[in-house]
Amino acid sequence: MGSSDLQALLALSVAERIELAEDLWESVAREAENQPLKSHELAEIREGLAEHLANPNDVVPWSEVKKSLGLPD
């Protein structure tokens, strides 16, 4: 993309730039959905699931996590 392309995009209204950003993000998300997981990602998911199945009560409620992070309820 050249600088003239960027300048043309920046000349769009805020609403148009938001719509363009959303469209771009959706295209990235669609493409990412079709990518297979890497072996280390799959291993991490399986490890997390195994930990949860071994200790299903060893969890922290979302409300406590938010509180510890200082987030509003």
PDB file of N, CA and C in Angstrom:
ATOM      1  N   MET A   1       0.858  -1.169   0.000  1.00  0.00           N
ATOM      2  CA  MET A   1       0.000   0.000   0.000  1.00  0.00           C
ATOM      3  C   MET A   1       0.901   1.226   0.000  1.00  0.00           C
ATOM      4  N   GLY A   2       0.642   2.106  -0.923  1.00  0.00           N
ATOM      5  CA  GLY A   2       1.416   3.337  -1.002  1.00  0.00           C
ATOM      6  C   GLY A   2       0.882   4.408  -0.073  1.00  0.00           C
ATOM      7  N   SER A   3       1.670   5.464   0.071  1.00  0.00           N
ATOM      8  CA  SER A   3       1.241   6.538   0.972  1.00  0.00           C
ATOM      9  C   SER A   3       0.004   7.247   0.438  1.00  0.00           C
ATOM     10  N   SER A   4      -0.176   7.275  -0.896  1.00  0.00           N
ATOM     11  CA  SER A   4      -1.380   7.905  -1.444  1.00  0.00           C
ATOM     12  C   SER A   4      -2.619   7.080  -1.100  1.00  0.00           C
ATOM     13  N   ASP A   5      -2.457   5.725  -1.062  1.00  0.00           N
ATOM     14  CA  ASP A   5      -3.578   4.873  -0.644  1.00  0.00           C
ATOM     15  C   ASP A   5      -3.947   5.159   0.804  1.00  0.00           C
ATOM     16  N   LEU A   6      -2.931   5.280   1.631  1.00  0.00           N
ATOM     17  CA  LEU A   6      -3.174   5.560   3.050  1.00  0.00           C
ATOM     18  C   LEU A   6      -3.833   6.918   3.223  1.00  0.00           C
ATOM     19  N   GLN A   7      -3.377   7.896   2.493  1.00  0.00           N
ATOM     20  CA  GLN A   7      -3.965   9.234   2.585  1.00  0.00           C
ATOM     21  C   GLN A   7      -5.434   9.204   2.175  1.00  0.00           C
ATOM     22  N   ALA A   8      -5.761   8.417   1.146  1.00  0.00           N
ATOM     23  CA  ALA A   8      -7.156   8.312   0.696  1.00  0.00           C
ATOM     24  C   ALA A   8      -8.005   7.662   1.779  1.00  0.00           C
ATOM     25  N   LEU A   9      -7.456   6.638   2.433  1.00  0.00           N
ATOM     26  CA  LEU A   9      -8.198   5.981   3.516  1.00  0.00           C
ATOM     27  C   LEU A   9      -8.394   6.918   4.701  1.00  0.00           C
ATOM     28  N   LEU A  10      -7.370   7.688   5.022  1.00  0.00           N
ATOM     29  CA  LEU A  10      -7.473   8.624   6.147  1.00  0.00           C
ATOM     30  C   LEU A  10      -8.426   9.777   5.851  1.00  0.00           C
ATOM     31  N   ALA A  11      -8.705  10.008   4.576  1.00  0.00           N
ATOM     32  CA  ALA A  11      -9.646  11.069   4.190  1.00  0.00           C
ATOM     33  C   ALA A  11     -11.098  10.631   4.360  1.00  0.00           C
ATOM     34  N   LEU A  12     -11.317   9.324   4.575  1.00  0.00           N
ATOM     35  CA  LEU A  12     -12.682   8.844   4.797  1.00  0.00           C
ATOM     36  C   LEU A  12     -13.222   9.414   6.103  1.00  0.00           C
ATOM     37  N   SER A  13     -14.528   9.453   6.215  1.00  0.00           N
ATOM     38  CA  SER A  13     -15.136   9.908   7.470  1.00  0.00           C
ATOM     39  C   SER A  13     -14.833   8.888   8.565  1.00  0.00           C
ATOM     40  N   VAL A  14     -15.022   9.305   9.783  1.00  0.00           N
ATOM     41  CA  VAL A  14     -14.793   8.398  10.913  1.00  0.00           C
ATOM     42  C   VAL A  14     -15.671   7.157  10.782  1.00  0.00           C
ATOM     43  N   ALA A  15     -16.929   7.354  10.438  1.00  0.00           N
ATOM     44  CA  ALA A  15     -17.847   6.216  10.292  1.00  0.00           C
ATOM     45  C   ALA A  15     -17.370   5.255   9.209  1.00  0.00           C
ATOM     46  N   GLU A  16     -16.883   5.819   8.100  1.00  0.00           N
ATOM     47  CA  GLU A  16     -16.396   4.967   7.007  1.00  0.00           C
ATOM     48  C   GLU A  16     -15.130   4.211   7.416  1.00  0.00           C
ATOM     49  N   ARG A  17     -14.245   4.879   8.155  1.00  0.00           N
ATOM     50  CA  ARG A  17     -13.021   4.206   8.612  1.00  0.00           C
ATOM     51  C   ARG A  17     -13.341   3.112   9.612  1.00  0.00           C
ATOM     52  N   ILE A  18     -14.328   3.342  10.470  1.00  0.00           N
ATOM     53  CA  ILE A  18     -14.747   2.303  11.419  1.00  0.00           C
ATOM     54  C   ILE A  18     -15.299   1.106  10.659  1.00  0.00           C
ATOM     55  N   GLU A  19     -16.139   1.366   9.674  1.00  0.00           N
ATOM     56  CA  GLU A  19     -16.711   0.284   8.869  1.00  0.00           C
ATOM     57  C   GLU A  19     -15.605  -0.490   8.147  1.00  0.00           C
ATOM     58  N   LEU A  20     -14.633   0.221   7.602  1.00  0.00           N
ATOM     59  CA  LEU A  20     -13.508  -0.421   6.920  1.00  0.00           C
ATOM     60  C   LEU A  20     -12.705  -1.276   7.905  1.00  0.00           C
ATOM     61  N   ALA A  21     -12.451  -0.742   9.096  1.00  0.00           N
ATOM     62  CA  ALA A  21     -11.702  -1.497  10.110  1.00  0.00           C
ATOM     63  C   ALA A  21     -12.456  -2.762  10.503  1.00  0.00           C
ATOM     64  N   GLU A  22     -13.752  -2.648  10.667  1.00  0.00           N
ATOM     65  CA  GLU A  22     -14.567  -3.824  11.013  1.00  0.00           C
ATOM     66  C   GLU A  22     -14.526  -4.855   9.893  1.00  0.00           C
ATOM     67  N   ASP A  23     -14.628  -4.398   8.652  1.00  0.00           N
ATOM     68  CA  ASP A  23     -14.576  -5.315   7.509  1.00  0.00           C
ATOM     69  C   ASP A  23     -13.217  -6.018   7.435  1.00  0.00           C
ATOM     70  N   LEU A  24     -12.149  -5.258   7.646  1.00  0.00           N
ATOM     71  CA  LEU A  24     -10.813  -5.856   7.638  1.00  0.00           C
ATOM     72  C   LEU A  24     -10.670  -6.884   8.752  1.00  0.00           C
ATOM     73  N   TRP A  25     -11.125  -6.515   9.959  1.00  0.00           N
ATOM     74  CA  TRP A  25     -11.011  -7.428  11.093  1.00  0.00           C
ATOM     75  C   TRP A  25     -11.802  -8.707  10.846  1.00  0.00           C
ATOM     76  N   GLU A  26     -12.994  -8.584  10.295  1.00  0.00           N
ATOM     77  CA  GLU A  26     -13.811  -9.764   9.992  1.00  0.00           C
ATOM     78  C   GLU A  26     -13.113 -10.653   8.970  1.00  0.00           C
ATOM     79  N   SER A  27     -12.430 -10.060   7.985  1.00  0.00           N
ATOM     80  CA  SER A  27     -11.722 -10.863   6.990  1.00  0.00           C
ATOM     81  C   SER A  27     -10.559 -11.604   7.632  1.00  0.00           C
ATOM     82  N   VAL A  28      -9.884 -10.962   8.568  1.00  0.00           N
ATOM     83  CA  VAL A  28      -8.790 -11.623   9.289  1.00  0.00           C
ATOM     84  C   VAL A  28      -9.348 -12.761  10.135  1.00  0.00           C
ATOM     85  N   ALA A  29     -10.450 -12.525  10.812  1.00  0.00           N
ATOM     86  CA  ALA A  29     -11.059 -13.551  11.668  1.00  0.00           C
ATOM     87  C   ALA A  29     -11.494 -14.754  10.843  1.00  0.00           C
ATOM     88  N   ARG A  30     -12.106 -14.506   9.677  1.00  0.00           N
ATOM     89  CA  ARG A  30     -12.523 -15.623   8.809  1.00  0.00           C
ATOM     90  C   ARG A  30     -11.333 -16.447   8.363  1.00  0.00           C
ATOM     91  N   GLU A  31     -10.268 -15.766   7.998  1.00  0.00           N
ATOM     92  CA  GLU A  31      -9.067 -16.469   7.553  1.00  0.00           C
ATOM     93  C   GLU A  31      -8.440 -17.247   8.709  1.00  0.00           C
ATOM     94  N   ALA A  32      -8.420 -16.656   9.887  1.00  0.00           N
ATOM     95  CA  ALA A  32      -7.830 -17.310  11.052  1.00  0.00           C
ATOM     96  C   ALA A  32      -8.632 -18.547  11.452  1.00  0.00           C
ATOM     97  N   GLU A  33      -9.948 -18.499  11.282  1.00  0.00           N
ATOM     98  CA  GLU A  33     -10.790 -19.648  11.623  1.00  0.00           C
ATOM     99  C   GLU A  33     -10.427 -20.875  10.806  1.00  0.00           C
ATOM    100  N   ASN A  34      -9.915 -20.660   9.606  1.00  0.00           N
ATOM    101  CA  ASN A  34      -9.592 -21.768   8.717  1.00  0.00           C
ATOM    102  C   ASN A  34      -8.173 -22.290   8.889  1.00  0.00           C
ATOM    103  N   GLN A  35      -7.425 -21.666   9.795  1.00  0.00           N
ATOM    104  CA  GLN A  35      -6.057 -22.107  10.032  1.00  0.00           C
ATOM    105  C   GLN A  35      -6.060 -23.223  11.069  1.00  0.00           C
ATOM    106  N   PRO A  36      -5.390 -24.329  10.786  1.00  0.00           N
ATOM    107  CA  PRO A  36      -5.333 -25.399  11.784  1.00  0.00           C
ATOM    108  C   PRO A  36      -4.478 -24.964  12.974  1.00  0.00           C
ATOM    109  N   LEU A  37      -4.796 -25.522  14.124  1.00  0.00           N
ATOM    110  CA  LEU A  37      -3.994 -25.236  15.308  1.00  0.00           C
ATOM    111  C   LEU A  37      -2.610 -25.845  15.134  1.00  0.00           C
ATOM    112  N   LYS A  38      -1.620 -25.155  15.668  1.00  0.00           N
ATOM    113  CA  LYS A  38      -0.262 -25.700  15.667  1.00  0.00           C
ATOM    114  C   LYS A  38      -0.185 -26.772  16.747  1.00  0.00           C
ATOM    115  N   SER A  39       0.756 -27.665  16.631  1.00  0.00           N
ATOM    116  CA  SER A  39       0.844 -28.791  17.568  1.00  0.00           C
ATOM    117  C   SER A  39       1.019 -28.318  19.005  1.00  0.00           C
ATOM    118  N   HIS A  40       1.801 -27.252  19.231  1.00  0.00           N
ATOM    119  CA  HIS A  40       1.996 -26.772  20.601  1.00  0.00           C
ATOM    120  C   HIS A  40       0.719 -26.124  21.150  1.00  0.00           C
ATOM    121  N   GLU A  41      -0.086 -25.508  20.268  1.00  0.00           N
ATOM    122  CA  GLU A  41      -1.352 -24.928  20.712  1.00  0.00           C
ATOM    123  C   GLU A  41      -2.335 -26.030  21.113  1.00  0.00           C
ATOM    124  N   LEU A  42      -2.401 -27.056  20.300  1.00  0.00           N
ATOM    125  CA  LEU A  42      -3.274 -28.184  20.598  1.00  0.00           C
ATOM    126  C   LEU A  42      -2.837 -28.883  21.884  1.00  0.00           C
ATOM    127  N   ALA A  43      -1.527 -29.028  22.074  1.00  0.00           N
ATOM    128  CA  ALA A  43      -1.004 -29.656  23.296  1.00  0.00           C
ATOM    129  C   ALA A  43      -1.381 -28.829  24.524  1.00  0.00           C
ATOM    130  N   GLU A  44      -1.311 -27.506  24.403  1.00  0.00           N
ATOM    131  CA  GLU A  44      -1.661 -26.632  25.525  1.00  0.00           C
ATOM    132  C   GLU A  44      -3.143 -26.747  25.870  1.00  0.00           C
ATOM    133  N   ILE A  45      -3.984 -26.820  24.861  1.00  0.00           N
ATOM    134  CA  ILE A  45      -5.427 -26.983  25.091  1.00  0.00           C
ATOM    135  C   ILE A  45      -5.697 -28.314  25.783  1.00  0.00           C
ATOM    136  N   ARG A  46      -5.071 -29.368  25.290  1.00  0.00           N
ATOM    137  CA  ARG A  46      -5.270 -30.687  25.894  1.00  0.00           C
ATOM    138  C   ARG A  46      -4.775 -30.725  27.336  1.00  0.00           C
ATOM    139  N   GLU A  47      -3.655 -30.069  27.599  1.00  0.00           N
ATOM    140  CA  GLU A  47      -3.113 -30.017  28.959  1.00  0.00           C
ATOM    141  C   GLU A  47      -4.077 -29.281  29.885  1.00  0.00           C
ATOM    142  N   GLY A  48      -4.608 -28.157  29.425  1.00  0.00           N
ATOM    143  CA  GLY A  48      -5.561 -27.404  30.235  1.00  0.00           C
ATOM    144  C   GLY A  48      -6.820 -28.191  30.517  1.00  0.00           C
ATOM    145  N   LEU A  49      -7.312 -28.898  29.519  1.00  0.00           N
ATOM    146  CA  LEU A  49      -8.501 -29.718  29.703  1.00  0.00           C
ATOM    147  C   LEU A  49      -8.228 -30.846  30.691  1.00  0.00           C
ATOM    148  N   ALA A  50      -7.068 -31.488  30.565  1.00  0.00           N
ATOM    149  CA  ALA A  50      -6.717 -32.577  31.485  1.00  0.00           C
ATOM    150  C   ALA A  50      -6.631 -32.063  32.921  1.00  0.00           C
ATOM    151  N   GLU A  51      -6.037 -30.883  33.102  1.00  0.00           N
ATOM    152  CA  GLU A  51      -5.952 -30.281  34.444  1.00  0.00           C
ATOM    153  C   GLU A  51      -7.344 -30.023  34.992  1.00  0.00           C
ATOM    154  N   HIS A  52      -8.214 -29.483  34.173  1.00  0.00           N
ATOM    155  CA  HIS A  52      -9.572 -29.182  34.627  1.00  0.00           C
ATOM    156  C   HIS A  52     -10.329 -30.463  34.979  1.00  0.00           C
ATOM    157  N   LEU A  53     -10.210 -31.473  34.139  1.00  0.00           N
ATOM    158  CA  LEU A  53     -10.905 -32.738  34.416  1.00  0.00           C
ATOM    159  C   LEU A  53     -10.379 -33.400  35.685  1.00  0.00           C
ATOM    160  N   ALA A  54      -9.088 -33.248  35.962  1.00  0.00           N
ATOM    161  CA  ALA A  54      -8.497 -33.830  37.174  1.00  0.00           C
ATOM    162  C   ALA A  54      -8.921 -33.063  38.426  1.00  0.00           C
ATOM    163  N   ASN A  55      -9.158 -31.758  38.279  1.00  0.00           N
ATOM    164  CA  ASN A  55      -9.502 -30.899  39.422  1.00  0.00           C
ATOM    165  C   ASN A  55     -10.628 -29.938  39.037  1.00  0.00           C
ATOM    166  N   PRO A  56     -11.832 -30.444  38.804  1.00  0.00           N
ATOM    167  CA  PRO A  56     -12.914 -29.576  38.309  1.00  0.00           C
ATOM    168  C   PRO A  56     -13.343 -28.486  39.283  1.00  0.00           C
ATOM    169  N   ASN A  57     -13.054 -28.642  40.555  1.00  0.00           N
ATOM    170  CA  ASN A  57     -13.447 -27.620  41.531  1.00  0.00           C
ATOM    171  C   ASN A  57     -12.359 -26.586  41.774  1.00  0.00           C
ATOM    172  N   ASP A  58     -11.214 -26.758  41.138  1.00  0.00           N
ATOM    173  CA  ASP A  58     -10.090 -25.843  41.310  1.00  0.00           C
ATOM    174  C   ASP A  58     -10.217 -24.699  40.308  1.00  0.00           C
ATOM    175  N   VAL A  59     -11.206 -23.845  40.544  1.00  0.00           N
ATOM    176  CA  VAL A  59     -11.486 -22.733  39.639  1.00  0.00           C
ATOM    177  C   VAL A  59     -11.653 -21.446  40.437  1.00  0.00           C
ATOM    178  N   VAL A  60     -11.555 -20.339  39.740  1.00  0.00           N
ATOM    179  CA  VAL A  60     -11.785 -19.024  40.347  1.00  0.00           C
ATOM    180  C   VAL A  60     -12.950 -18.400  39.588  1.00  0.00           C
ATOM    181  N   PRO A  61     -14.014 -18.020  40.275  1.00  0.00           N
ATOM    182  CA  PRO A  61     -15.154 -17.392  39.590  1.00  0.00           C
ATOM    183  C   PRO A  61     -14.739 -16.105  38.880  1.00  0.00           C
ATOM    184  N   TRP A  62     -15.370 -15.846  37.746  1.00  0.00           N
ATOM    185  CA  TRP A  62     -15.069 -14.655  36.962  1.00  0.00           C
ATOM    186  C   TRP A  62     -15.227 -13.382  37.790  1.00  0.00           C
ATOM    187  N   SER A  63     -16.209 -13.354  38.677  1.00  0.00           N
ATOM    188  CA  SER A  63     -16.410 -12.161  39.511  1.00  0.00           C
ATOM    189  C   SER A  63     -15.183 -11.882  40.373  1.00  0.00           C
ATOM    190  N   GLU A  64     -14.515 -12.926  40.861  1.00  0.00           N
ATOM    191  CA  GLU A  64     -13.298 -12.735  41.671  1.00  0.00           C
ATOM    192  C   GLU A  64     -12.115 -12.293  40.818  1.00  0.00           C
ATOM    193  N   VAL A  65     -12.031 -12.827  39.619  1.00  0.00           N
ATOM    194  CA  VAL A  65     -10.954 -12.420  38.712  1.00  0.00           C
ATOM    195  C   VAL A  65     -11.099 -10.936  38.391  1.00  0.00           C
ATOM    196  N   LYS A  66     -12.331 -10.507  38.048  1.00  0.00           N
ATOM    197  CA  LYS A  66     -12.564  -9.097  37.746  1.00  0.00           C
ATOM    198  C   LYS A  66     -12.214  -8.219  38.949  1.00  0.00           C
ATOM    199  N   LYS A  67     -12.608  -8.663  40.127  1.00  0.00           N
ATOM    200  CA  LYS A  67     -12.336  -7.895  41.340  1.00  0.00           C
ATOM    201  C   LYS A  67     -10.832  -7.763  41.559  1.00  0.00           C
ATOM    202  N   SER A  68     -10.090  -8.866  41.367  1.00  0.00           N
ATOM    203  CA  SER A  68      -8.639  -8.829  41.581  1.00  0.00           C
ATOM    204  C   SER A  68      -7.937  -7.929  40.565  1.00  0.00           C
ATOM    205  N   LEU A  69      -8.558  -7.744  39.400  1.00  0.00           N
ATOM    206  CA  LEU A  69      -7.996  -6.884  38.366  1.00  0.00           C
ATOM    207  C   LEU A  69      -8.504  -5.444  38.470  1.00  0.00           C
ATOM    208  N   GLY A  70      -9.399  -5.211  39.432  1.00  0.00           N
ATOM    209  CA  GLY A  70      -9.953  -3.877  39.615  1.00  0.00           C
ATOM    210  C   GLY A  70     -10.940  -3.482  38.545  1.00  0.00           C
ATOM    211  N   LEU A  71     -11.586  -4.491  37.932  1.00  0.00           N
ATOM    212  CA  LEU A  71     -12.581  -4.220  36.890  1.00  0.00           C
ATOM    213  C   LEU A  71     -13.965  -4.072  37.507  1.00  0.00           C
ATOM    214  N   PRO A  72     -14.827  -3.278  36.896  1.00  0.00           N
ATOM    215  CA  PRO A  72     -16.182  -3.119  37.424  1.00  0.00           C
ATOM    216  C   PRO A  72     -17.001  -4.392  37.232  1.00  0.00           C
ATOM    217  N   ASP A  73     -18.009  -4.561  38.079  1.00  0.00           N
ATOM    218  CA  ASP A  73     -18.888  -5.728  37.976  1.00  0.00           C
ATOM    219  C   ASP A  73     -19.784  -5.649  36.792  1.00  0.00           C
TER     220      ASP A  73
END
